[in-house]
């Protein structure tokens, strides 16, 4: 078995998953309602990461073909996405959740090749609206209203 970057990454992920699982066992499991406590999610995710990382590290790869070249403009898209995230963080409070999220999703759609404006606008507004409905309305997470609020 040859130790290449893929196997090394899988082994590292398995190790991180096992550490996360071990650390999650230190969390309290008791709850007021008797349901699953704060340990369940981190322990489960740690085990999932460990198992999947181990699978990547141990999988057989007979005669793997060479790695395909990167998509043209991929590095530019990564840098533009990171710049968009930074801009999103800067205007989030001022413009509010709905406006800044809609603009951010629209910019990403355009950046990654969508050219139909109806699709861009519908997906941007729909994604921001659905996220707002889940977090602000259903879960009660306060989101900044920005220019749309008081």
N, C-alpha and C. Protein backbone atom coordinates (compact mmCIF):
# COMPACT_ATOMS: atom_id res chain seq x y z
N UNK A 1 0.85 -1.17 0.00
CA UNK A 1 0.00 0.00 0.00
C UNK A 1 0.90 1.23 0.00
N UNK A 2 0.70 2.07 -1.01
CA UNK A 2 1.51 3.27 -1.17
C UNK A 2 0.89 4.42 -0.37
N UNK A 3 1.73 5.14 0.37
CA UNK A 3 1.26 6.26 1.17
C UNK A 3 1.30 7.52 0.31
N UNK A 4 0.14 7.93 -0.20
CA UNK A 4 0.06 9.14 -1.01
C UNK A 4 -0.76 10.18 -0.26
N UNK A 5 -1.01 11.31 -0.89
CA UNK A 5 -1.74 12.39 -0.24
C UNK A 5 -3.15 12.01 0.15
N UNK A 6 -3.81 11.21 -0.68
CA UNK A 6 -5.18 10.81 -0.39
C UNK A 6 -5.24 9.92 0.85
N UNK A 7 -4.34 8.95 0.94
CA UNK A 7 -4.31 8.07 2.10
C UNK A 7 -3.91 8.83 3.36
N UNK A 8 -2.96 9.74 3.23
CA UNK A 8 -2.53 10.53 4.37
C UNK A 8 -3.66 11.42 4.88
N UNK A 9 -4.42 12.02 3.96
CA UNK A 9 -5.57 12.84 4.35
C UNK A 9 -6.63 11.98 5.04
N UNK A 10 -6.88 10.80 4.52
CA UNK A 10 -7.84 9.89 5.14
C UNK A 10 -7.42 9.50 6.54
N UNK A 11 -6.13 9.20 6.71
CA UNK A 11 -5.63 8.83 8.03
C UNK A 11 -5.74 10.01 9.00
N UNK A 12 -5.44 11.21 8.51
CA UNK A 12 -5.56 12.40 9.36
C UNK A 12 -7.01 12.64 9.75
N UNK A 13 -7.93 12.45 8.81
CA UNK A 13 -9.36 12.62 9.13
C UNK A 13 -9.81 11.58 10.15
N UNK A 14 -9.34 10.35 10.01
CA UNK A 14 -9.70 9.31 10.97
C UNK A 14 -9.18 9.66 12.36
N UNK A 15 -7.97 10.17 12.43
CA UNK A 15 -7.40 10.57 13.71
C UNK A 15 -8.19 11.72 14.33
N UNK A 16 -8.54 12.72 13.53
CA UNK A 16 -9.33 13.85 14.03
C UNK A 16 -10.69 13.36 14.52
N UNK A 17 -11.31 12.46 13.77
CA UNK A 17 -12.60 11.91 14.18
C UNK A 17 -12.52 11.16 15.49
N UNK A 18 -11.47 10.38 15.68
CA UNK A 18 -11.30 9.64 16.94
C UNK A 18 -11.05 10.59 18.10
N UNK A 19 -10.27 11.64 17.87
CA UNK A 19 -10.03 12.63 18.92
C UNK A 19 -11.33 13.35 19.27
N UNK A 20 -12.11 13.71 18.25
CA UNK A 20 -13.39 14.38 18.51
C UNK A 20 -14.32 13.47 19.29
N UNK A 21 -14.35 12.18 18.94
CA UNK A 21 -15.19 11.23 19.67
C UNK A 21 -14.74 11.12 21.12
N UNK A 22 -13.43 10.99 21.32
CA UNK A 22 -12.91 10.85 22.69
C UNK A 22 -13.22 12.10 23.51
N UNK A 23 -13.07 13.26 22.91
CA UNK A 23 -13.38 14.51 23.64
C UNK A 23 -14.87 14.65 23.91
N UNK A 24 -15.71 14.16 23.01
CA UNK A 24 -17.15 14.26 23.21
C UNK A 24 -17.61 13.43 24.40
N UNK A 25 -16.87 12.40 24.75
CA UNK A 25 -17.24 11.57 25.89
C UNK A 25 -17.09 12.31 27.21
N UNK A 26 -16.38 13.42 27.18
CA UNK A 26 -16.21 14.23 28.39
C UNK A 26 -17.40 15.15 28.63
N UNK A 27 -18.29 15.29 27.65
CA UNK A 27 -19.46 16.15 27.79
C UNK A 27 -20.53 15.46 28.64
N UNK A 28 -21.32 16.27 29.33
CA UNK A 28 -22.40 15.72 30.15
C UNK A 28 -23.51 15.18 29.25
N UNK A 29 -24.11 14.08 29.67
CA UNK A 29 -25.18 13.46 28.88
C UNK A 29 -26.55 13.70 29.48
N UNK A 30 -26.62 14.22 30.68
CA UNK A 30 -27.91 14.38 31.34
C UNK A 30 -28.69 15.56 30.76
N UNK A 31 -29.99 15.37 30.63
CA UNK A 31 -30.88 16.42 30.15
C UNK A 31 -32.09 16.49 31.07
N UNK A 32 -32.78 17.61 31.04
CA UNK A 32 -33.98 17.76 31.86
C UNK A 32 -35.13 16.92 31.35
N UNK A 33 -35.18 16.71 30.06
CA UNK A 33 -36.30 15.97 29.47
C UNK A 33 -36.03 14.49 29.33
N UNK A 34 -34.80 14.06 29.56
CA UNK A 34 -34.47 12.65 29.43
C UNK A 34 -34.10 12.24 28.02
N UNK A 35 -34.11 13.18 27.09
CA UNK A 35 -33.75 12.89 25.70
C UNK A 35 -32.25 12.89 25.52
N UNK A 36 -31.82 12.81 24.27
CA UNK A 36 -30.38 12.81 24.01
C UNK A 36 -29.76 14.14 24.45
N UNK A 37 -28.58 14.06 25.00
CA UNK A 37 -27.93 15.25 25.54
C UNK A 37 -26.95 15.86 24.56
N UNK A 38 -26.10 16.71 25.10
CA UNK A 38 -25.14 17.44 24.29
C UNK A 38 -24.02 16.58 23.74
N UNK A 39 -23.91 15.36 24.17
CA UNK A 39 -22.85 14.48 23.71
C UNK A 39 -23.19 13.78 22.39
N UNK A 40 -24.46 13.64 22.09
CA UNK A 40 -24.88 12.82 20.95
C UNK A 40 -24.31 13.30 19.62
N UNK A 41 -24.49 14.57 19.29
CA UNK A 41 -24.06 15.06 17.98
C UNK A 41 -22.54 15.02 17.81
N UNK A 42 -21.74 15.55 18.76
CA UNK A 42 -20.29 15.48 18.55
C UNK A 42 -19.76 14.05 18.51
N UNK A 43 -20.33 13.16 19.32
CA UNK A 43 -19.87 11.77 19.32
C UNK A 43 -20.20 11.10 17.99
N UNK A 44 -21.40 11.33 17.50
CA UNK A 44 -21.81 10.72 16.22
C UNK A 44 -20.97 11.26 15.07
N UNK A 45 -20.78 12.58 15.03
CA UNK A 45 -19.98 13.16 13.95
C UNK A 45 -18.53 12.70 14.03
N UNK A 46 -17.98 12.58 15.23
CA UNK A 46 -16.62 12.07 15.38
C UNK A 46 -16.48 10.66 14.84
N UNK A 47 -17.45 9.81 15.15
CA UNK A 47 -17.41 8.44 14.63
C UNK A 47 -17.55 8.40 13.11
N UNK A 48 -18.44 9.22 12.57
CA UNK A 48 -18.63 9.25 11.11
C UNK A 48 -17.35 9.69 10.42
N UNK A 49 -16.72 10.75 10.92
CA UNK A 49 -15.47 11.23 10.33
C UNK A 49 -14.38 10.17 10.44
N UNK A 50 -14.30 9.50 11.58
CA UNK A 50 -13.28 8.47 11.77
C UNK A 50 -13.49 7.30 10.80
N UNK A 51 -14.71 6.86 10.66
CA UNK A 51 -14.99 5.72 9.77
C UNK A 51 -14.72 6.09 8.31
N UNK A 52 -15.21 7.25 7.89
CA UNK A 52 -15.00 7.65 6.49
C UNK A 52 -13.53 7.94 6.20
N UNK A 53 -12.84 8.55 7.16
CA UNK A 53 -11.40 8.78 6.98
C UNK A 53 -10.64 7.47 6.89
N UNK A 54 -11.01 6.52 7.74
CA UNK A 54 -10.37 5.21 7.67
C UNK A 54 -10.64 4.50 6.34
N UNK A 55 -11.86 4.67 5.83
CA UNK A 55 -12.19 4.06 4.54
C UNK A 55 -11.35 4.66 3.42
N UNK A 56 -11.14 5.96 3.46
CA UNK A 56 -10.31 6.61 2.45
C UNK A 56 -8.86 6.16 2.58
N UNK A 57 -8.37 6.06 3.81
CA UNK A 57 -6.98 5.67 4.03
C UNK A 57 -6.71 4.23 3.63
N UNK A 58 -7.70 3.35 3.75
CA UNK A 58 -7.47 1.92 3.51
C UNK A 58 -7.99 1.40 2.18
N UNK A 59 -8.62 2.24 1.38
CA UNK A 59 -9.23 1.73 0.15
C UNK A 59 -8.17 1.30 -0.86
N UNK A 60 -8.54 0.30 -1.65
CA UNK A 60 -7.66 -0.20 -2.69
C UNK A 60 -7.82 0.67 -3.92
N UNK A 61 -6.72 1.04 -4.52
CA UNK A 61 -6.75 1.83 -5.74
C UNK A 61 -5.81 1.20 -6.77
N UNK A 62 -6.29 0.19 -7.49
CA UNK A 62 -5.42 -0.46 -8.47
C UNK A 62 -5.20 0.43 -9.69
N UNK A 63 -3.96 0.72 -9.98
CA UNK A 63 -3.62 1.45 -11.20
C UNK A 63 -4.39 2.75 -11.40
N UNK A 64 -4.34 3.61 -10.42
CA UNK A 64 -5.05 4.89 -10.54
C UNK A 64 -4.52 5.69 -11.71
N UNK A 65 -5.43 6.24 -12.53
CA UNK A 65 -4.96 7.10 -13.62
C UNK A 65 -4.45 8.42 -13.04
N UNK A 66 -3.72 9.17 -13.84
CA UNK A 66 -3.19 10.45 -13.39
C UNK A 66 -4.30 11.40 -13.00
N UNK A 67 -3.96 12.34 -12.16
CA UNK A 67 -4.94 13.32 -11.69
C UNK A 67 -5.25 14.29 -12.82
N UNK A 68 -6.54 14.53 -13.04
CA UNK A 68 -6.95 15.45 -14.09
C UNK A 68 -6.55 16.87 -13.73
N UNK A 69 -6.34 17.67 -14.75
CA UNK A 69 -5.94 19.05 -14.50
C UNK A 69 -7.10 19.83 -13.89
N UNK A 70 -6.75 20.87 -13.18
CA UNK A 70 -7.75 21.69 -12.52
C UNK A 70 -8.62 22.41 -13.54
N UNK A 71 -9.81 22.78 -13.12
CA UNK A 71 -10.73 23.51 -13.99
C UNK A 71 -10.13 24.89 -14.26
N UNK A 72 -10.14 25.34 -15.52
CA UNK A 72 -9.60 26.67 -15.81
C UNK A 72 -10.33 27.74 -15.02
N UNK A 73 -9.58 28.64 -14.43
CA UNK A 73 -10.17 29.71 -13.65
C UNK A 73 -10.56 29.31 -12.25
N UNK A 74 -10.21 28.10 -11.84
CA UNK A 74 -10.60 27.61 -10.52
C UNK A 74 -10.00 28.43 -9.39
N UNK A 75 -8.73 28.79 -9.53
CA UNK A 75 -8.07 29.57 -8.49
C UNK A 75 -8.71 30.95 -8.38
N UNK A 76 -9.06 31.52 -9.51
CA UNK A 76 -9.71 32.84 -9.51
C UNK A 76 -11.06 32.75 -8.80
N UNK A 77 -11.80 31.68 -9.05
CA UNK A 77 -13.10 31.50 -8.38
C UNK A 77 -12.95 31.34 -6.88
N UNK A 78 -11.93 30.62 -6.45
CA UNK A 78 -11.70 30.43 -5.02
C UNK A 78 -11.40 31.78 -4.36
N UNK A 79 -10.51 32.55 -4.97
CA UNK A 79 -10.16 33.86 -4.42
C UNK A 79 -11.39 34.78 -4.41
N UNK A 80 -12.16 34.75 -5.50
CA UNK A 80 -13.37 35.59 -5.57
C UNK A 80 -14.40 35.17 -4.52
N UNK A 81 -14.52 33.86 -4.28
CA UNK A 81 -15.46 33.38 -3.26
C UNK A 81 -15.03 33.85 -1.88
N UNK A 82 -13.73 33.76 -1.59
CA UNK A 82 -13.23 34.22 -0.29
C UNK A 82 -13.41 35.73 -0.13
N UNK A 83 -13.18 36.47 -1.21
CA UNK A 83 -13.40 37.92 -1.16
C UNK A 83 -14.88 38.22 -0.95
N UNK A 84 -15.76 37.44 -1.59
CA UNK A 84 -17.20 37.61 -1.40
C UNK A 84 -17.62 37.32 0.03
N UNK A 85 -17.03 36.30 0.63
CA UNK A 85 -17.33 35.99 2.03
C UNK A 85 -16.89 37.12 2.95
N UNK A 86 -15.72 37.70 2.67
CA UNK A 86 -15.25 38.82 3.49
C UNK A 86 -16.18 40.01 3.34
N UNK A 87 -16.59 40.31 2.11
CA UNK A 87 -17.52 41.43 1.88
C UNK A 87 -18.86 41.16 2.56
N UNK A 88 -19.33 39.93 2.48
CA UNK A 88 -20.59 39.53 3.13
C UNK A 88 -20.52 39.79 4.63
N UNK A 89 -19.40 39.41 5.24
CA UNK A 89 -19.23 39.61 6.68
C UNK A 89 -19.21 41.10 7.03
N UNK A 90 -18.64 41.91 6.15
CA UNK A 90 -18.55 43.35 6.43
C UNK A 90 -19.90 44.06 6.31
N UNK A 91 -20.77 43.63 5.40
CA UNK A 91 -22.04 44.33 5.18
C UNK A 91 -23.22 43.65 5.85
N UNK A 92 -23.01 42.52 6.47
CA UNK A 92 -24.09 41.72 7.03
C UNK A 92 -24.94 42.51 8.03
N UNK A 93 -24.32 43.16 8.99
CA UNK A 93 -25.06 43.92 10.01
C UNK A 93 -25.74 45.15 9.40
N UNK A 94 -25.05 45.84 8.52
CA UNK A 94 -25.56 47.09 7.97
C UNK A 94 -26.73 46.86 7.01
N UNK A 95 -26.58 45.92 6.08
CA UNK A 95 -27.64 45.67 5.10
C UNK A 95 -28.71 44.72 5.62
N UNK A 96 -28.35 43.88 6.58
CA UNK A 96 -29.29 42.90 7.12
C UNK A 96 -29.13 41.56 6.45
N UNK A 97 -29.76 40.57 7.07
CA UNK A 97 -29.60 39.20 6.59
C UNK A 97 -30.16 38.98 5.20
N UNK A 98 -31.41 39.37 4.97
CA UNK A 98 -32.07 39.07 3.70
C UNK A 98 -31.37 39.72 2.51
N UNK A 99 -31.03 40.99 2.62
CA UNK A 99 -30.41 41.69 1.49
C UNK A 99 -29.00 41.16 1.25
N UNK A 100 -28.17 41.10 2.30
CA UNK A 100 -26.79 40.67 2.10
C UNK A 100 -26.70 39.21 1.64
N UNK A 101 -27.56 38.35 2.17
CA UNK A 101 -27.53 36.94 1.75
C UNK A 101 -28.01 36.77 0.32
N UNK A 102 -29.03 37.50 -0.07
CA UNK A 102 -29.52 37.42 -1.45
C UNK A 102 -28.45 37.87 -2.44
N UNK A 103 -27.80 38.98 -2.13
CA UNK A 103 -26.74 39.49 -3.02
C UNK A 103 -25.57 38.52 -3.06
N UNK A 104 -25.19 37.96 -1.92
CA UNK A 104 -24.07 37.02 -1.88
C UNK A 104 -24.36 35.77 -2.72
N UNK A 105 -25.54 35.21 -2.57
CA UNK A 105 -25.89 34.01 -3.35
C UNK A 105 -25.95 34.35 -4.83
N UNK A 106 -26.50 35.51 -5.19
CA UNK A 106 -26.56 35.91 -6.59
C UNK A 106 -25.16 36.06 -7.18
N UNK A 107 -24.25 36.68 -6.44
CA UNK A 107 -22.88 36.84 -6.92
C UNK A 107 -22.21 35.48 -7.11
N UNK A 108 -22.41 34.57 -6.17
CA UNK A 108 -21.83 33.23 -6.32
C UNK A 108 -22.39 32.50 -7.54
N UNK A 109 -23.69 32.60 -7.74
CA UNK A 109 -24.29 31.95 -8.91
C UNK A 109 -23.70 32.51 -10.21
N UNK A 110 -23.55 33.82 -10.29
CA UNK A 110 -22.95 34.42 -11.48
C UNK A 110 -21.49 34.03 -11.63
N UNK A 111 -20.77 34.00 -10.51
CA UNK A 111 -19.36 33.65 -10.53
C UNK A 111 -19.14 32.22 -11.02
N UNK A 112 -20.05 31.33 -10.66
CA UNK A 112 -19.89 29.93 -11.04
C UNK A 112 -20.62 29.56 -12.31
N UNK A 113 -21.08 30.56 -13.07
CA UNK A 113 -21.51 30.29 -14.44
C UNK A 113 -22.98 30.39 -14.77
N UNK A 114 -23.83 30.65 -13.82
CA UNK A 114 -25.26 30.78 -14.14
C UNK A 114 -25.48 32.14 -14.80
N UNK A 115 -26.10 32.14 -15.98
CA UNK A 115 -26.29 33.38 -16.74
C UNK A 115 -27.75 33.77 -16.90
N UNK A 116 -28.67 32.92 -16.50
CA UNK A 116 -30.10 33.26 -16.63
C UNK A 116 -30.52 34.06 -15.41
N UNK A 117 -30.87 35.32 -15.63
CA UNK A 117 -31.17 36.23 -14.53
C UNK A 117 -32.38 35.78 -13.73
N UNK A 118 -33.34 35.20 -14.37
CA UNK A 118 -34.52 34.72 -13.64
C UNK A 118 -34.11 33.65 -12.64
N UNK A 119 -33.25 32.75 -13.07
CA UNK A 119 -32.78 31.69 -12.18
C UNK A 119 -31.94 32.27 -11.05
N UNK A 120 -31.04 33.20 -11.38
CA UNK A 120 -30.18 33.81 -10.37
C UNK A 120 -31.03 34.50 -9.30
N UNK A 121 -31.97 35.34 -9.74
CA UNK A 121 -32.78 36.09 -8.79
C UNK A 121 -33.70 35.17 -7.98
N UNK A 122 -34.29 34.18 -8.63
CA UNK A 122 -35.18 33.27 -7.92
C UNK A 122 -34.43 32.44 -6.88
N UNK A 123 -33.27 31.91 -7.26
CA UNK A 123 -32.50 31.11 -6.30
C UNK A 123 -31.94 31.97 -5.17
N UNK A 124 -31.47 33.16 -5.48
CA UNK A 124 -30.91 34.03 -4.44
C UNK A 124 -31.99 34.42 -3.43
N UNK A 125 -33.12 34.86 -3.93
CA UNK A 125 -34.21 35.27 -3.03
C UNK A 125 -34.78 34.05 -2.29
N UNK A 126 -34.92 32.94 -2.99
CA UNK A 126 -35.46 31.73 -2.36
C UNK A 126 -34.54 31.18 -1.28
N UNK A 127 -33.24 31.15 -1.54
CA UNK A 127 -32.29 30.64 -0.55
C UNK A 127 -32.26 31.52 0.69
N UNK A 128 -32.22 32.83 0.47
CA UNK A 128 -32.20 33.75 1.62
C UNK A 128 -33.51 33.68 2.39
N UNK A 129 -34.63 33.63 1.67
CA UNK A 129 -35.93 33.55 2.34
C UNK A 129 -36.12 32.26 3.11
N UNK A 130 -35.71 31.15 2.52
CA UNK A 130 -35.86 29.86 3.20
C UNK A 130 -34.97 29.79 4.44
N UNK A 131 -33.75 30.29 4.31
CA UNK A 131 -32.84 30.30 5.46
C UNK A 131 -33.38 31.20 6.56
N UNK A 132 -33.92 32.36 6.18
CA UNK A 132 -34.51 33.27 7.16
C UNK A 132 -35.69 32.59 7.87
N UNK A 133 -36.52 31.90 7.10
CA UNK A 133 -37.69 31.24 7.69
C UNK A 133 -37.26 30.19 8.71
N UNK A 134 -36.24 29.41 8.37
CA UNK A 134 -35.79 28.36 9.29
C UNK A 134 -35.18 28.97 10.55
N UNK A 135 -34.23 29.89 10.37
CA UNK A 135 -33.50 30.39 11.54
C UNK A 135 -34.27 31.43 12.34
N UNK A 136 -34.84 32.42 11.67
CA UNK A 136 -35.50 33.51 12.41
C UNK A 136 -36.87 33.10 12.91
N UNK A 137 -37.65 32.44 12.08
CA UNK A 137 -39.02 32.12 12.46
C UNK A 137 -39.12 30.81 13.23
N UNK A 138 -38.56 29.74 12.68
CA UNK A 138 -38.74 28.42 13.28
C UNK A 138 -37.85 28.23 14.51
N UNK A 139 -36.54 28.59 14.39
CA UNK A 139 -35.62 28.38 15.50
C UNK A 139 -35.50 29.58 16.44
N UNK A 140 -36.02 30.72 16.03
CA UNK A 140 -36.00 31.90 16.88
C UNK A 140 -34.64 32.57 17.01
N UNK A 141 -33.77 32.40 16.02
CA UNK A 141 -32.45 33.03 16.03
C UNK A 141 -32.60 34.47 15.55
N UNK A 142 -32.18 35.44 16.34
CA UNK A 142 -32.30 36.83 15.89
C UNK A 142 -31.30 37.13 14.78
N UNK A 143 -31.81 37.59 13.65
CA UNK A 143 -30.97 37.97 12.51
C UNK A 143 -31.10 39.48 12.30
N UNK A 144 -30.04 40.13 11.86
CA UNK A 144 -30.10 41.59 11.71
C UNK A 144 -31.06 41.99 10.58
N UNK A 145 -31.99 42.92 10.87
CA UNK A 145 -32.93 43.35 9.85
C UNK A 145 -32.32 44.30 8.84
N UNK A 146 -31.29 45.05 9.25
CA UNK A 146 -30.61 45.97 8.34
C UNK A 146 -31.52 47.03 7.78
N UNK A 147 -31.46 47.26 6.48
CA UNK A 147 -32.23 48.33 5.84
C UNK A 147 -33.72 47.97 5.72
N UNK A 148 -34.07 46.72 5.93
CA UNK A 148 -35.47 46.32 5.82
C UNK A 148 -36.23 46.44 7.15
N UNK A 149 -35.50 46.65 8.23
CA UNK A 149 -36.14 46.67 9.53
C UNK A 149 -36.18 48.04 10.17
N UNK A 150 -36.64 48.08 11.43
CA UNK A 150 -36.75 49.36 12.13
C UNK A 150 -35.40 49.97 12.48
